[in-house]
Amino acid sequence: MKKLPYTPNSRITSCLRQLWLRSRERAKAIKDADRRCVRCGIKASTAKGREVKLEVHHSPPIEWTGLRELIRERLLNVPQEPLCKDCHAKAHKELS
């Protein structure tokens, strides 16, 4: 299979989801709720046959399309030029 010349949307979404799933903010939300569902009170469990996974609800819901477009616009589709570490630092100083 030939690789696309750009990062696919599915890859961007996957990376953003992984960032969220491993984030300190998500872990804190679960810890603050004592690892329980805030609606019914069921506790998270990994016991075989009695697994209960907690998800963190966003209100308003996450707009994945908007996030992907922002990443593509601000990070992936900007002019890029490979620079050594020293020249890269100088380039940023010139912008200041």
PDB file of N, CA and C in Angstrom:
ATOM      1  N   MET A   1       0.837  -1.183   0.000  1.00  0.00           N
ATOM      2  CA  MET A   1       0.000   0.000   0.000  1.00  0.00           C
ATOM      3  C   MET A   1       0.879   1.243   0.000  1.00  0.00           C
ATOM      4  N   LYS A   2       0.569   2.154  -0.887  1.00  0.00           N
ATOM      5  CA  LYS A   2       1.338   3.376  -1.002  1.00  0.00           C
ATOM      6  C   LYS A   2       0.916   4.370   0.087  1.00  0.00           C
ATOM      7  N   LYS A   3       1.901   5.037   0.684  1.00  0.00           N
ATOM      8  CA  LYS A   3       1.616   6.025   1.720  1.00  0.00           C
ATOM      9  C   LYS A   3       1.104   7.315   1.096  1.00  0.00           C
ATOM     10  N   LEU A   4       0.168   7.949   1.806  1.00  0.00           N
ATOM     11  CA  LEU A   4      -0.337   9.243   1.368  1.00  0.00           C
ATOM     12  C   LEU A   4       0.740  10.304   1.582  1.00  0.00           C
ATOM     13  N   PRO A   5       0.729  11.381   0.805  1.00  0.00           N
ATOM     14  CA  PRO A   5       1.728  12.436   0.978  1.00  0.00           C
ATOM     15  C   PRO A   5       1.390  13.386   2.127  1.00  0.00           C
ATOM     16  N   TYR A   6       0.329  13.088   2.868  1.00  0.00           N
ATOM     17  CA  TYR A   6      -0.079  13.927   3.994  1.00  0.00           C
ATOM     18  C   TYR A   6      -0.578  13.020   5.117  1.00  0.00           C
ATOM     19  N   THR A   7      -0.673  13.560   6.316  1.00  0.00           N
ATOM     20  CA  THR A   7      -1.149  12.797   7.465  1.00  0.00           C
ATOM     21  C   THR A   7      -2.668  12.641   7.368  1.00  0.00           C
ATOM     22  N   PRO A   8      -3.166  11.404   7.377  1.00  0.00           N
ATOM     23  CA  PRO A   8      -4.614  11.200   7.264  1.00  0.00           C
ATOM     24  C   PRO A   8      -5.364  11.713   8.502  1.00  0.00           C
ATOM     25  N   ASN A   9      -6.602  12.126   8.311  1.00  0.00           N
ATOM     26  CA  ASN A   9      -7.423  12.606   9.421  1.00  0.00           C
ATOM     27  C   ASN A   9      -7.549  11.574  10.527  1.00  0.00           C
ATOM     28  N   SER A  10      -7.636  10.303  10.156  1.00  0.00           N
ATOM     29  CA  SER A  10      -7.783   9.248  11.166  1.00  0.00           C
ATOM     30  C   SER A  10      -6.562   9.195  12.088  1.00  0.00           C
ATOM     31  N   ARG A  11      -5.396   9.460  11.554  1.00  0.00           N
ATOM     32  CA  ARG A  11      -4.161   9.459  12.360  1.00  0.00           C
ATOM     33  C   ARG A  11      -4.157  10.632  13.339  1.00  0.00           C
ATOM     34  N   ILE A  12      -4.610  11.801  12.866  1.00  0.00           N
ATOM     35  CA  ILE A  12      -4.680  12.980  13.739  1.00  0.00           C
ATOM     36  C   ILE A  12      -5.652  12.713  14.876  1.00  0.00           C
ATOM     37  N   THR A  13      -6.846  12.215  14.547  1.00  0.00           N
ATOM     38  CA  THR A  13      -7.852  11.925  15.569  1.00  0.00           C
ATOM     39  C   THR A  13      -7.339  10.898  16.563  1.00  0.00           C
ATOM     40  N   SER A  14      -6.693   9.860  16.069  1.00  0.00           N
ATOM     41  CA  SER A  14      -6.163   8.815  16.946  1.00  0.00           C
ATOM     42  C   SER A  14      -5.143   9.386  17.936  1.00  0.00           C
ATOM     43  N   CYS A  15      -4.260  10.231  17.448  1.00  0.00           N
ATOM     44  CA  CYS A  15      -3.248  10.837  18.326  1.00  0.00           C
ATOM     45  C   CYS A  15      -3.894  11.749  19.370  1.00  0.00           C
ATOM     46  N   LEU A  16      -4.878  12.526  18.964  1.00  0.00           N
ATOM     47  CA  LEU A  16      -5.574  13.410  19.904  1.00  0.00           C
ATOM     48  C   LEU A  16      -6.321  12.594  20.961  1.00  0.00           C
ATOM     49  N   ARG A  17      -6.972  11.507  20.541  1.00  0.00           N
ATOM     50  CA  ARG A  17      -7.681  10.638  21.500  1.00  0.00           C
ATOM     51  C   ARG A  17      -6.704  10.016  22.492  1.00  0.00           C
ATOM     52  N   GLN A  18      -5.551   9.563  22.017  1.00  0.00           N
ATOM     53  CA  GLN A  18      -4.556   8.977  22.907  1.00  0.00           C
ATOM     54  C   GLN A  18      -4.033  10.017  23.902  1.00  0.00           C
ATOM     55  N   LEU A  19      -3.823  11.229  23.439  1.00  0.00           N
ATOM     56  CA  LEU A  19      -3.404  12.308  24.328  1.00  0.00           C
ATOM     57  C   LEU A  19      -4.432  12.490  25.431  1.00  0.00           C
ATOM     58  N   TRP A  20      -5.715  12.536  25.062  1.00  0.00           N
ATOM     59  CA  TRP A  20      -6.769  12.719  26.054  1.00  0.00           C
ATOM     60  C   TRP A  20      -6.848  11.531  27.010  1.00  0.00           C
ATOM     61  N   LEU A  21      -6.787  10.319  26.479  1.00  0.00           N
ATOM     62  CA  LEU A  21      -6.909   9.133  27.322  1.00  0.00           C
ATOM     63  C   LEU A  21      -5.771   9.022  28.343  1.00  0.00           C
ATOM     64  N   ARG A  22      -4.622   9.585  28.022  1.00  0.00           N
ATOM     65  CA  ARG A  22      -3.468   9.525  28.927  1.00  0.00           C
ATOM     66  C   ARG A  22      -3.233  10.827  29.690  1.00  0.00           C
ATOM     67  N   SER A  23      -4.155  11.764  29.559  1.00  0.00           N
ATOM     68  CA  SER A  23      -3.941  13.090  30.156  1.00  0.00           C
ATOM     69  C   SER A  23      -4.130  13.101  31.667  1.00  0.00           C
ATOM     70  N   ARG A  24      -3.442  14.005  32.315  1.00  0.00           N
ATOM     71  CA  ARG A  24      -3.576  14.195  33.760  1.00  0.00           C
ATOM     72  C   ARG A  24      -4.955  14.744  34.099  1.00  0.00           C
ATOM     73  N   GLU A  25      -5.512  15.544  33.196  1.00  0.00           N
ATOM     74  CA  GLU A  25      -6.832  16.125  33.427  1.00  0.00           C
ATOM     75  C   GLU A  25      -7.911  15.039  33.483  1.00  0.00           C
ATOM     76  N   ARG A  26      -7.825  14.067  32.573  1.00  0.00           N
ATOM     77  CA  ARG A  26      -8.784  12.965  32.575  1.00  0.00           C
ATOM     78  C   ARG A  26      -8.609  12.119  33.832  1.00  0.00           C
ATOM     79  N   ALA A  27      -7.365  11.813  34.169  1.00  0.00           N
ATOM     80  CA  ALA A  27      -7.090  11.015  35.365  1.00  0.00           C
ATOM     81  C   ALA A  27      -7.603  11.720  36.620  1.00  0.00           C
ATOM     82  N   LYS A  28      -7.446  13.039  36.679  1.00  0.00           N
ATOM     83  CA  LYS A  28      -7.913  13.802  37.835  1.00  0.00           C
ATOM     84  C   LYS A  28      -9.435  13.760  37.941  1.00  0.00           C
ATOM     85  N   ALA A  29     -10.115  13.880  36.805  1.00  0.00           N
ATOM     86  CA  ALA A  29     -11.583  13.831  36.819  1.00  0.00           C
ATOM     87  C   ALA A  29     -12.067  12.492  37.381  1.00  0.00           C
ATOM     88  N   ILE A  30     -11.420  11.410  36.975  1.00  0.00           N
ATOM     89  CA  ILE A  30     -11.799  10.080  37.466  1.00  0.00           C
ATOM     90  C   ILE A  30     -11.454   9.942  38.944  1.00  0.00           C
ATOM     91  N   LYS A  31     -10.279  10.401  39.336  1.00  0.00           N
ATOM     92  CA  LYS A  31      -9.859  10.313  40.739  1.00  0.00           C
ATOM     93  C   LYS A  31     -10.778  11.141  41.633  1.00  0.00           C
ATOM     94  N   ASP A  32     -11.127  12.363  41.186  1.00  0.00           N
ATOM     95  CA  ASP A  32     -11.997  13.234  41.979  1.00  0.00           C
ATOM     96  C   ASP A  32     -13.380  12.627  42.196  1.00  0.00           C
ATOM     97  N   ALA A  33     -13.802  11.757  41.278  1.00  0.00           N
ATOM     98  CA  ALA A  33     -15.097  11.078  41.411  1.00  0.00           C
ATOM     99  C   ALA A  33     -14.947   9.757  42.159  1.00  0.00           C
ATOM    100  N   ASP A  34     -13.781   9.532  42.771  1.00  0.00           N
ATOM    101  CA  ASP A  34     -13.492   8.296  43.514  1.00  0.00           C
ATOM    102  C   ASP A  34     -13.678   7.059  42.646  1.00  0.00           C
ATOM    103  N   ARG A  35     -13.316   7.205  41.343  1.00  0.00           N
ATOM    104  CA  ARG A  35     -13.419   6.110  40.380  1.00  0.00           C
ATOM    105  C   ARG A  35     -14.825   5.535  40.298  1.00  0.00           C
ATOM    106  N   ARG A  36     -15.834   6.423  40.465  1.00  0.00           N
ATOM    107  CA  ARG A  36     -17.236   6.011  40.399  1.00  0.00           C
ATOM    108  C   ARG A  36     -17.980   6.846  39.353  1.00  0.00           C
ATOM    109  N   CYS A  37     -19.017   6.255  38.771  1.00  0.00           N
ATOM    110  CA  CYS A  37     -19.904   6.985  37.878  1.00  0.00           C
ATOM    111  C   CYS A  37     -20.643   8.019  38.719  1.00  0.00           C
ATOM    112  N   VAL A  38     -20.627   9.274  38.318  1.00  0.00           N
ATOM    113  CA  VAL A  38     -21.263  10.325  39.113  1.00  0.00           C
ATOM    114  C   VAL A  38     -22.786  10.275  39.012  1.00  0.00           C
ATOM    115  N   ARG A  39     -23.324   9.516  38.078  1.00  0.00           N
ATOM    116  CA  ARG A  39     -24.790   9.393  37.965  1.00  0.00           C
ATOM    117  C   ARG A  39     -25.338   8.211  38.759  1.00  0.00           C
ATOM    118  N   CYS A  40     -24.778   7.013  38.559  1.00  0.00           N
ATOM    119  CA  CYS A  40     -25.341   5.829  39.226  1.00  0.00           C
ATOM    120  C   CYS A  40     -24.504   5.333  40.392  1.00  0.00           C
ATOM    121  N   GLY A  41     -23.242   5.780  40.495  1.00  0.00           N
ATOM    122  CA  GLY A  41     -22.386   5.407  41.622  1.00  0.00           C
ATOM    123  C   GLY A  41     -21.602   4.125  41.461  1.00  0.00           C
ATOM    124  N   ILE A  42     -21.765   3.421  40.319  1.00  0.00           N
ATOM    125  CA  ILE A  42     -21.022   2.173  40.124  1.00  0.00           C
ATOM    126  C   ILE A  42     -19.532   2.471  40.073  1.00  0.00           C
ATOM    127  N   LYS A  43     -18.747   1.590  40.726  1.00  0.00           N
ATOM    128  CA  LYS A  43     -17.302   1.793  40.808  1.00  0.00           C
ATOM    129  C   LYS A  43     -16.601   1.104  39.640  1.00  0.00           C
ATOM    130  N   ALA A  44     -15.558   1.738  39.131  1.00  0.00           N
ATOM    131  CA  ALA A  44     -14.747   1.148  38.062  1.00  0.00           C
ATOM    132  C   ALA A  44     -14.134  -0.150  38.575  1.00  0.00           C
ATOM    133  N   SER A  45     -14.056  -1.142  37.698  1.00  0.00           N
ATOM    134  CA  SER A  45     -13.518  -2.434  38.101  1.00  0.00           C
ATOM    135  C   SER A  45     -12.840  -3.119  36.929  1.00  0.00           C
ATOM    136  N   THR A  46     -11.785  -3.856  37.255  1.00  0.00           N
ATOM    137  CA  THR A  46     -11.111  -4.673  36.247  1.00  0.00           C
ATOM    138  C   THR A  46     -11.269  -6.156  36.575  1.00  0.00           C
ATOM    139  N   ALA A  47     -12.122  -6.480  37.556  1.00  0.00           N
ATOM    140  CA  ALA A  47     -12.346  -7.872  37.958  1.00  0.00           C
ATOM    141  C   ALA A  47     -12.923  -8.658  36.779  1.00  0.00           C
ATOM    142  N   LYS A  48     -12.359  -9.828  36.537  1.00  0.00           N
ATOM    143  CA  LYS A  48     -12.769 -10.652  35.407  1.00  0.00           C
ATOM    144  C   LYS A  48     -14.265 -10.980  35.504  1.00  0.00           C
ATOM    145  N   GLY A  49     -14.972 -10.695  34.408  1.00  0.00           N
ATOM    146  CA  GLY A  49     -16.401 -10.944  34.363  1.00  0.00           C
ATOM    147  C   GLY A  49     -17.243  -9.814  34.944  1.00  0.00           C
ATOM    148  N   ARG A  50     -16.599  -8.879  35.635  1.00  0.00           N
ATOM    149  CA  ARG A  50     -17.324  -7.747  36.225  1.00  0.00           C
ATOM    150  C   ARG A  50     -16.652  -6.423  35.869  1.00  0.00           C
ATOM    151  N   GLU A  51     -16.088  -6.363  34.673  1.00  0.00           N
ATOM    152  CA  GLU A  51     -15.381  -5.165  34.245  1.00  0.00           C
ATOM    153  C   GLU A  51     -16.336  -3.982  34.106  1.00  0.00           C
ATOM    154  N   VAL A  52     -15.926  -2.860  34.663  1.00  0.00           N
ATOM    155  CA  VAL A  52     -16.666  -1.607  34.507  1.00  0.00           C
ATOM    156  C   VAL A  52     -15.626  -0.548  34.163  1.00  0.00           C
ATOM    157  N   LYS A  53     -15.766   0.057  32.978  1.00  0.00           N
ATOM    158  CA  LYS A  53     -14.842   1.108  32.556  1.00  0.00           C
ATOM    159  C   LYS A  53     -15.533   2.457  32.676  1.00  0.00           C
ATOM    160  N   LEU A  54     -14.797   3.429  33.128  1.00  0.00           N
ATOM    161  CA  LEU A  54     -15.323   4.780  33.217  1.00  0.00           C
ATOM    162  C   LEU A  54     -14.857   5.582  32.012  1.00  0.00           C
ATOM    163  N   GLU A  55     -15.751   6.388  31.493  1.00  0.00           N
ATOM    164  CA  GLU A  55     -15.425   7.334  30.430  1.00  0.00           C
ATOM    165  C   GLU A  55     -15.675   8.719  30.989  1.00  0.00           C
ATOM    166  N   VAL A  56     -14.997   9.710  30.461  1.00  0.00           N
ATOM    167  CA  VAL A  56     -15.191  11.082  30.919  1.00  0.00           C
ATOM    168  C   VAL A  56     -16.017  11.812  29.875  1.00  0.00           C
ATOM    169  N   HIS A  57     -17.185  12.285  30.304  1.00  0.00           N
ATOM    170  CA  HIS A  57     -18.121  12.971  29.402  1.00  0.00           C
ATOM    171  C   HIS A  57     -17.731  14.432  29.250  1.00  0.00           C
ATOM    172  N   HIS A  58     -17.718  14.912  28.015  1.00  0.00           N
ATOM    173  CA  HIS A  58     -17.429  16.322  27.734  1.00  0.00           C
ATOM    174  C   HIS A  58     -18.727  17.064  27.453  1.00  0.00           C
ATOM    175  N   SER A  59     -18.864  18.200  28.047  1.00  0.00           N
ATOM    176  CA  SER A  59     -20.010  19.054  27.764  1.00  0.00           C
ATOM    177  C   SER A  59     -19.490  20.464  27.562  1.00  0.00           C
ATOM    178  N   PRO A  60     -19.544  21.014  26.372  1.00  0.00           N
ATOM    179  CA  PRO A  60     -20.115  20.456  25.150  1.00  0.00           C
ATOM    180  C   PRO A  60     -19.234  19.343  24.589  1.00  0.00           C
ATOM    181  N   PRO A  61     -19.806  18.511  23.707  1.00  0.00           N
ATOM    182  CA  PRO A  61     -19.043  17.396  23.132  1.00  0.00           C
ATOM    183  C   PRO A  61     -17.803  17.878  22.366  1.00  0.00           C
ATOM    184  N   ILE A  62     -16.822  16.993  22.264  1.00  0.00           N
ATOM    185  CA  ILE A  62     -15.598  17.307  21.515  1.00  0.00           C
ATOM    186  C   ILE A  62     -15.936  17.394  20.034  1.00  0.00           C
ATOM    187  N   GLU A  63     -15.458  18.429  19.391  1.00  0.00           N
ATOM    188  CA  GLU A  63     -15.662  18.625  17.954  1.00  0.00           C
ATOM    189  C   GLU A  63     -14.382  18.173  17.248  1.00  0.00           C
ATOM    190  N   TRP A  64     -14.299  16.869  16.934  1.00  0.00           N
ATOM    191  CA  TRP A  64     -13.082  16.293  16.366  1.00  0.00           C
ATOM    192  C   TRP A  64     -12.725  16.931  15.028  1.00  0.00           C
ATOM    193  N   THR A  65     -13.726  17.219  14.210  1.00  0.00           N
ATOM    194  CA  THR A  65     -13.454  17.805  12.892  1.00  0.00           C
ATOM    195  C   THR A  65     -12.761  19.158  13.047  1.00  0.00           C
ATOM    196  N   GLY A  66     -13.259  19.984  13.953  1.00  0.00           N
ATOM    197  CA  GLY A  66     -12.646  21.292  14.182  1.00  0.00           C
ATOM    198  C   GLY A  66     -11.228  21.179  14.707  1.00  0.00           C
ATOM    199  N   LEU A  67     -11.003  20.224  15.619  1.00  0.00           N
ATOM    200  CA  LEU A  67      -9.652  20.020  16.144  1.00  0.00           C
ATOM    201  C   LEU A  67      -8.694  19.566  15.053  1.00  0.00           C
ATOM    202  N   ARG A  68      -9.168  18.617  14.234  1.00  0.00           N
ATOM    203  CA  ARG A  68      -8.318  18.142  13.131  1.00  0.00           C
ATOM    204  C   ARG A  68      -7.969  19.276  12.179  1.00  0.00           C
ATOM    205  N   GLU A  69      -8.951  20.095  11.835  1.00  0.00           N
ATOM    206  CA  GLU A  69      -8.702  21.213  10.912  1.00  0.00           C
ATOM    207  C   GLU A  69      -7.719  22.212  11.514  1.00  0.00           C
ATOM    208  N   LEU A  70      -7.830  22.469  12.807  1.00  0.00           N
ATOM    209  CA  LEU A  70      -6.907  23.384  13.482  1.00  0.00           C
ATOM    210  C   LEU A  70      -5.484  22.828  13.474  1.00  0.00           C
ATOM    211  N   ILE A  71      -5.335  21.553  13.778  1.00  0.00           N
ATOM    212  CA  ILE A  71      -4.009  20.906  13.759  1.00  0.00           C
ATOM    213  C   ILE A  71      -3.419  20.986  12.352  1.00  0.00           C
ATOM    214  N   ARG A  72      -4.235  20.648  11.364  1.00  0.00           N
ATOM    215  CA  ARG A  72      -3.743  20.669   9.983  1.00  0.00           C
ATOM    216  C   ARG A  72      -3.350  22.091   9.572  1.00  0.00           C
ATOM    217  N   GLU A  73      -4.187  23.078   9.908  1.00  0.00           N
ATOM    218  CA  GLU A  73      -3.938  24.472   9.516  1.00  0.00           C
ATOM    219  C   GLU A  73      -2.739  25.078  10.235  1.00  0.00           C
ATOM    220  N   ARG A  74      -2.630  24.860  11.544  1.00  0.00           N
ATOM    221  CA  ARG A  74      -1.607  25.554  12.342  1.00  0.00           C
ATOM    222  C   ARG A  74      -0.313  24.770  12.498  1.00  0.00           C
ATOM    223  N   LEU A  75      -0.348  23.458  12.276  1.00  0.00           N
ATOM    224  CA  LEU A  75       0.846  22.656  12.525  1.00  0.00           C
ATOM    225  C   LEU A  75       1.354  21.933  11.276  1.00  0.00           C
ATOM    226  N   LEU A  76       0.454  21.324  10.523  1.00  0.00           N
ATOM    227  CA  LEU A  76       0.891  20.468   9.427  1.00  0.00           C
ATOM    228  C   LEU A  76       0.982  21.151   8.073  1.00  0.00           C
ATOM    229  N   ASN A  77       0.187  22.179   7.830  1.00  0.00           N
ATOM    230  CA  ASN A  77       0.175  22.809   6.507  1.00  0.00           C
ATOM    231  C   ASN A  77       0.909  24.132   6.451  1.00  0.00           C
ATOM    232  N   VAL A  78       1.728  24.417   7.427  1.00  0.00           N
ATOM    233  CA  VAL A  78       2.492  25.656   7.410  1.00  0.00           C
ATOM    234  C   VAL A  78       3.799  25.420   6.665  1.00  0.00           C
ATOM    235  N   PRO A  79       4.400  26.460   6.095  1.00  0.00           N
ATOM    236  CA  PRO A  79       5.698  26.269   5.438  1.00  0.00           C
ATOM    237  C   PRO A  79       6.705  25.705   6.439  1.00  0.00           C
ATOM    238  N   GLN A  80       7.442  24.721   5.996  1.00  0.00           N
ATOM    239  CA  GLN A  80       8.402  24.062   6.875  1.00  0.00           C
ATOM    240  C   GLN A  80       9.771  24.053   6.232  1.00  0.00           C
ATOM    241  N   GLU A  81      10.786  24.281   7.055  1.00  0.00           N
ATOM    242  CA  GLU A  81      12.153  24.206   6.556  1.00  0.00           C
ATOM    243  C   GLU A  81      13.024  23.550   7.613  1.00  0.00           C
ATOM    244  N   PRO A  82      13.734  22.510   7.239  1.00  0.00           N
ATOM    245  CA  PRO A  82      14.619  21.841   8.190  1.00  0.00           C
ATOM    246  C   PRO A  82      15.788  22.753   8.575  1.00  0.00           C
ATOM    247  N   LEU A  83      16.002  22.930   9.867  1.00  0.00           N
ATOM    248  CA  LEU A  83      17.101  23.746  10.388  1.00  0.00           C
ATOM    249  C   LEU A  83      17.806  22.994  11.501  1.00  0.00           C
ATOM    250  N   CYS A  84      19.102  23.257  11.656  1.00  0.00           N
ATOM    251  CA  CYS A  84      19.803  22.695  12.801  1.00  0.00           C
ATOM    252  C   CYS A  84      19.293  23.402  14.054  1.00  0.00           C
ATOM    253  N   LYS A  85      19.619  22.862  15.202  1.00  0.00           N
ATOM    254  CA  LYS A  85      19.126  23.410  16.465  1.00  0.00           C
ATOM    255  C   LYS A  85      19.510  24.883  16.642  1.00  0.00           C
ATOM    256  N   ASP A  86      20.760  25.229  16.327  1.00  0.00           N
ATOM    257  CA  ASP A  86      21.228  26.614  16.492  1.00  0.00           C
ATOM    258  C   ASP A  86      20.496  27.577  15.545  1.00  0.00           C
ATOM    259  N   CYS A  87      20.359  27.197  14.276  1.00  0.00           N
ATOM    260  CA  CYS A  87      19.672  28.064  13.318  1.00  0.00           C
ATOM    261  C   CYS A  87      18.188  28.184  13.672  1.00  0.00           C
ATOM    262  N   HIS A  88      17.621  27.131  14.197  1.00  0.00           N
ATOM    263  CA  HIS A  88      16.216  27.161  14.590  1.00  0.00           C
ATOM    264  C   HIS A  88      16.023  28.169  15.728  1.00  0.00           C
ATOM    265  N   ALA A  89      16.913  28.137  16.691  1.00  0.00           N
ATOM    266  CA  ALA A  89      16.850  29.094  17.820  1.00  0.00           C
ATOM    267  C   ALA A  89      17.013  30.530  17.307  1.00  0.00           C
ATOM    268  N   LYS A  90      17.948  30.743  16.355  1.00  0.00           N
ATOM    269  CA  LYS A  90      18.153  32.084  15.780  1.00  0.00           C
ATOM    270  C   LYS A  90      16.914  32.545  15.029  1.00  0.00           C
ATOM    271  N   ALA A  91      16.286  31.649  14.307  1.00  0.00           N
ATOM    272  CA  ALA A  91      15.087  31.987  13.544  1.00  0.00           C
ATOM    273  C   ALA A  91      13.974  32.482  14.468  1.00  0.00           C
ATOM    274  N   HIS A  92      13.814  31.833  15.631  1.00  0.00           N
ATOM    275  CA  HIS A  92      12.801  32.266  16.599  1.00  0.00           C
ATOM    276  C   HIS A  92      13.156  33.609  17.219  1.00  0.00           C
ATOM    277  N   LYS A  93      14.455  33.834  17.462  1.00  0.00           N
ATOM    278  CA  LYS A  93      14.877  35.126  18.017  1.00  0.00           C
ATOM    279  C   LYS A  93      14.617  36.262  17.027  1.00  0.00           C
ATOM    280  N   GLU A  94      14.798  35.979  15.743  1.00  0.00           N
ATOM    281  CA  GLU A  94      14.558  36.988  14.705  1.00  0.00           C
ATOM    282  C   GLU A  94      13.084  37.393  14.653  1.00  0.00           C
ATOM    283  N   LEU A  95      12.191  36.484  14.996  1.00  0.00           N
ATOM    284  CA  LEU A  95      10.760  36.789  14.991  1.00  0.00           C
ATOM    285  C   LEU A  95      10.338  37.610  16.192  1.00  0.00           C
ATOM    286  N   SER A  96      11.150  37.608  17.236  1.00  0.00           N
ATOM    287  CA  SER A  96      10.801  38.328  18.477  1.00  0.00           C
ATOM    288  C   SER A  96      11.065  39.809  18.367  1.00  0.00           C
TER     289      SER A  96
END
